[in-house]
Protein backbone atom coordinates (compact mmCIF):
# COMPACT_ATOMS: atom_id res chain seq x y z
CA GLN A 1 -29.57 -13.91 -17.28
CA VAL A 2 -26.32 -12.01 -17.73
CA GLN A 3 -23.15 -13.99 -17.40
CA LEU A 4 -19.57 -12.79 -17.61
CA VAL A 5 -16.90 -15.45 -17.36
CA GLU A 6 -13.24 -14.50 -17.03
CA SER A 7 -10.28 -16.68 -17.86
CA GLY A 8 -6.55 -16.39 -18.32
CA GLY A 9 -5.31 -15.45 -14.88
CA GLY A 10 -2.36 -17.12 -13.24
CA LEU A 11 1.11 -16.76 -11.80
CA VAL A 12 3.78 -14.95 -13.76
CA GLN A 13 7.18 -13.44 -13.03
CA ALA A 14 7.71 -9.70 -13.06
CA GLY A 15 8.24 -8.51 -16.61
CA GLY A 16 6.06 -11.26 -18.03
CA SER A 17 2.75 -11.16 -19.85
CA LEU A 18 -0.75 -12.54 -19.46
CA ARG A 19 -3.92 -12.22 -21.46
CA LEU A 20 -7.29 -12.18 -19.75
CA SER A 21 -10.50 -12.97 -21.59
CA CYS A 22 -14.11 -12.37 -20.66
CA ALA A 23 -16.99 -14.07 -22.45
CA GLY A 24 -20.39 -12.46 -22.08
CA SER A 25 -23.91 -13.70 -22.59
CA GLY A 26 -27.39 -12.43 -21.86
CA ILE A 27 -26.61 -8.83 -22.83
CA ILE A 28 -26.45 -6.83 -26.00
CA PHE A 29 -22.70 -7.08 -25.90
CA ARG A 30 -21.94 -4.83 -28.86
CA ALA A 31 -23.91 -1.97 -27.31
CA SER A 32 -22.19 -2.21 -23.95
CA THR A 33 -19.17 -0.47 -22.52
CA MET A 34 -16.97 -3.25 -21.23
CA GLY A 35 -14.18 -3.03 -18.75
CA TRP A 36 -11.72 -4.56 -16.37
CA TYR A 37 -11.33 -3.68 -12.70
CA ARG A 38 -9.03 -5.19 -10.11
CA GLN A 39 -8.95 -5.56 -6.38
CA ALA A 40 -5.82 -6.26 -4.38
CA PRO A 41 -5.98 -7.58 -0.80
CA GLY A 42 -6.97 -4.84 1.61
CA LYS A 43 -7.64 -2.36 -1.17
CA GLN A 44 -10.69 -1.03 -2.96
CA ARG A 45 -11.65 -2.24 -6.39
CA GLU A 46 -10.13 0.04 -9.01
CA LEU A 47 -10.54 0.69 -12.69
CA VAL A 48 -7.98 -0.88 -14.99
CA ALA A 49 -9.39 -0.25 -18.46
CA LEU A 50 -12.64 0.47 -20.30
CA ILE A 51 -13.66 0.11 -23.91
CA SER A 52 -16.80 1.69 -25.28
CA SER A 53 -19.14 0.19 -27.84
CA GLY A 54 -17.41 2.39 -30.41
CA GLY A 55 -13.95 1.20 -29.43
CA SER A 56 -12.77 4.18 -27.42
CA THR A 57 -10.49 3.16 -24.58
CA ASN A 58 -9.59 4.51 -21.19
CA TYR A 59 -6.81 3.25 -18.91
CA ALA A 60 -5.68 3.77 -15.37
CA ASP A 61 -2.43 5.73 -15.31
CA SER A 62 -0.70 2.82 -13.60
CA VAL A 63 -1.23 0.51 -16.60
CA LYS A 64 -0.94 2.89 -19.55
CA GLY A 65 1.56 1.63 -22.07
CA ARG A 66 1.57 -1.86 -20.57
CA PHE A 67 -2.03 -3.07 -20.84
CA THR A 68 -4.29 -3.15 -23.89
CA ILE A 69 -8.03 -3.72 -23.83
CA SER A 70 -9.81 -5.00 -26.91
CA ARG A 71 -13.17 -6.41 -27.86
CA ASP A 72 -14.56 -8.88 -30.37
CA ASP A 73 -18.28 -8.27 -30.62
CA ALA A 74 -18.77 -11.21 -32.97
CA LYS A 75 -17.58 -13.47 -30.17
CA ASN A 76 -19.01 -11.45 -27.25
CA THR A 77 -15.52 -11.28 -25.82
CA VAL A 78 -13.38 -8.60 -24.24
CA ARG A 79 -9.69 -9.14 -23.60
CA LEU A 80 -6.97 -7.52 -21.55
CA GLN A 81 -3.42 -8.01 -22.79
CA MET A 82 -1.05 -7.32 -19.93
CA SER A 83 2.66 -6.88 -20.54
CA ASN A 84 5.65 -5.91 -18.41
CA LEU A 85 3.75 -7.04 -15.36
CA LYS A 86 4.79 -5.78 -11.95
CA PRO A 87 4.22 -7.23 -8.47
CA GLU A 88 1.84 -4.37 -7.76
CA ASP A 89 -0.42 -5.68 -10.54
CA THR A 90 -1.22 -8.65 -8.32
CA ALA A 91 -4.98 -8.66 -7.75
CA VAL A 92 -8.24 -10.33 -8.62
CA TYR A 93 -9.31 -8.99 -12.00
CA TYR A 94 -13.00 -8.55 -12.74
CA CYS A 95 -14.76 -8.13 -16.05
CA THR A 96 -17.70 -5.76 -16.11
CA ALA A 97 -20.43 -4.79 -18.53
CA ARG A 98 -21.66 -1.23 -18.01
CA THR A 99 -20.38 -1.52 -14.41
CA LEU A 100 -23.73 -3.16 -13.74
CA TYR A 101 -22.80 -6.76 -14.34
CA TRP A 102 -19.68 -8.43 -13.01
CA GLY A 103 -17.80 -11.64 -13.51
CA GLN A 104 -16.55 -13.83 -10.71
CA GLY A 105 -12.97 -12.62 -11.06
CA THR A 106 -9.68 -14.24 -11.99
CA GLN A 107 -6.52 -14.12 -9.89
CA VAL A 108 -3.37 -12.58 -11.31
CA THR A 109 -0.23 -13.00 -9.25
CA VAL A 110 3.06 -11.40 -10.26
CA SER A 111 6.15 -12.60 -8.45
CA SER A 112 9.24 -10.45 -8.04
């Protein structure tokens, strides 16, 4: 059974930072492209960042230069370091493995 468990969300002021973590089990983590998506109220879920099994990364234009995705295959963990947060970053953030498996989401709220 695949499980992805996110943590690290919360409330932060604009300009602040948060780090999200996602712990995976039940998959060959090191062979999987991992990623973060987000969904704001009334909007579709959108890509935030991806990291391949080889470490290549891809970011949404809206977060380039502010967010960094990383992975630790020894710990089956993928992280999203978010800096210079903006109110428009407010959303539920979801971890995904291969866009097939999804976590339950963690709320990020950025106040202005």
